């Protein structure tokens, strides 16, 4: 994340970058609590698990477990739709 800020000429400390990431994470959780469509849920899982988890390494084990539970719920929803 800090690399992204540097690329655009914005200087922030690591502490500020982590605060921004924490704020974005909390806002995302609020957004996700509302009723999302199927495609929204798919892209939410993809972003959280792939981008934040794999590429950024920004998810801790508790967050990963929570995201995997949500992915499992998503798969159950899809299975019910195709039956």
Protein backbone atom coordinates (compact mmCIF):
# COMPACT_ATOMS: atom_id res chain seq x y z
CA UNK A 1 0.00 0.00 0.00
CA UNK A 2 2.82 2.36 0.82
CA UNK A 3 4.30 1.62 -2.61
CA UNK A 4 1.07 2.78 -4.21
CA UNK A 5 1.21 6.07 -2.33
CA UNK A 6 4.84 6.59 -3.32
CA UNK A 7 4.03 5.86 -6.96
CA UNK A 8 1.62 8.80 -7.00
CA UNK A 9 3.95 11.10 -5.11
CA UNK A 10 2.08 10.98 -1.81
CA UNK A 11 4.29 10.60 1.24
CA UNK A 12 2.79 8.78 4.20
CA UNK A 13 4.29 6.95 7.11
CA UNK A 14 3.77 3.23 7.55
CA UNK A 15 1.60 4.01 10.57
CA UNK A 16 -0.63 6.30 8.49
CA UNK A 17 -0.89 3.66 5.76
CA UNK A 18 -1.98 1.01 8.29
CA UNK A 19 -4.53 3.42 9.79
CA UNK A 20 -5.94 4.05 6.31
CA UNK A 21 -6.11 0.32 5.64
CA UNK A 22 -7.84 -0.32 8.99
CA UNK A 23 -10.37 2.45 8.26
CA UNK A 24 -11.07 1.03 4.78
CA UNK A 25 -11.51 -2.43 6.28
CA UNK A 26 -14.08 -1.18 8.82
CA UNK A 27 -15.98 0.76 6.14
CA UNK A 28 -15.96 -2.31 3.93
CA UNK A 29 -17.43 -4.45 6.71
CA UNK A 30 -20.25 -1.90 7.18
CA UNK A 31 -20.95 -1.95 3.45
CA UNK A 32 -20.91 -5.72 3.30
CA UNK A 33 -23.49 -6.01 6.09
CA UNK A 34 -26.08 -4.53 3.74
CA UNK A 35 -27.80 -6.77 1.23
CA UNK A 36 -25.37 -7.43 -1.61
CA UNK A 37 -26.14 -9.12 -4.90
CA UNK A 38 -24.52 -12.38 -5.99
CA UNK A 39 -21.95 -10.68 -8.19
CA UNK A 40 -21.12 -8.21 -5.41
CA UNK A 41 -20.47 -11.07 -3.02
CA UNK A 42 -18.26 -12.84 -5.55
CA UNK A 43 -16.13 -9.77 -6.14
CA UNK A 44 -16.02 -9.02 -2.42
CA UNK A 45 -14.57 -12.48 -1.72
CA UNK A 46 -12.15 -12.16 -4.63
CA UNK A 47 -10.91 -8.78 -3.45
CA UNK A 48 -10.62 -9.66 0.22
CA UNK A 49 -9.04 -13.10 -0.18
CA UNK A 50 -6.96 -12.63 -3.30
CA UNK A 51 -5.91 -8.98 -3.24
CA UNK A 52 -5.78 -8.20 0.47
CA UNK A 53 -4.95 -11.70 1.68
CA UNK A 54 -2.58 -13.04 -0.97
CA UNK A 55 -1.01 -9.99 -2.59
CA UNK A 56 -1.01 -7.48 0.29
CA UNK A 57 -0.74 -9.91 3.20
CA UNK A 58 -3.08 -7.60 5.08
CA UNK A 59 -5.39 -10.24 6.54
CA UNK A 60 -4.64 -11.96 9.82
CA UNK A 61 -5.72 -15.59 10.47
CA UNK A 62 -8.99 -14.49 12.08
CA UNK A 63 -9.89 -12.35 9.05
CA UNK A 64 -9.01 -15.21 6.70
CA UNK A 65 -11.21 -17.63 8.62
CA UNK A 66 -14.09 -15.14 8.51
CA UNK A 67 -13.65 -14.63 4.76
CA UNK A 68 -13.56 -18.38 4.11
CA UNK A 69 -16.82 -18.79 6.04
CA UNK A 70 -18.39 -16.09 3.88
CA UNK A 71 -17.08 -17.84 0.76
CA UNK A 72 -18.67 -21.09 1.96
CA UNK A 73 -22.00 -19.31 2.49
CA UNK A 74 -21.68 -17.84 -1.01
CA UNK A 75 -21.11 -21.30 -2.50
CA UNK A 76 -24.17 -22.65 -0.68
CA UNK A 77 -26.25 -19.81 -2.11
CA UNK A 78 -25.04 -20.60 -5.63
CA UNK A 79 -25.71 -24.34 -5.15
CA UNK A 80 -29.30 -23.56 -4.12
CA UNK A 81 -29.79 -21.38 -7.18
CA UNK A 82 -28.61 -24.00 -9.67
CA UNK A 83 -30.66 -26.89 -8.20
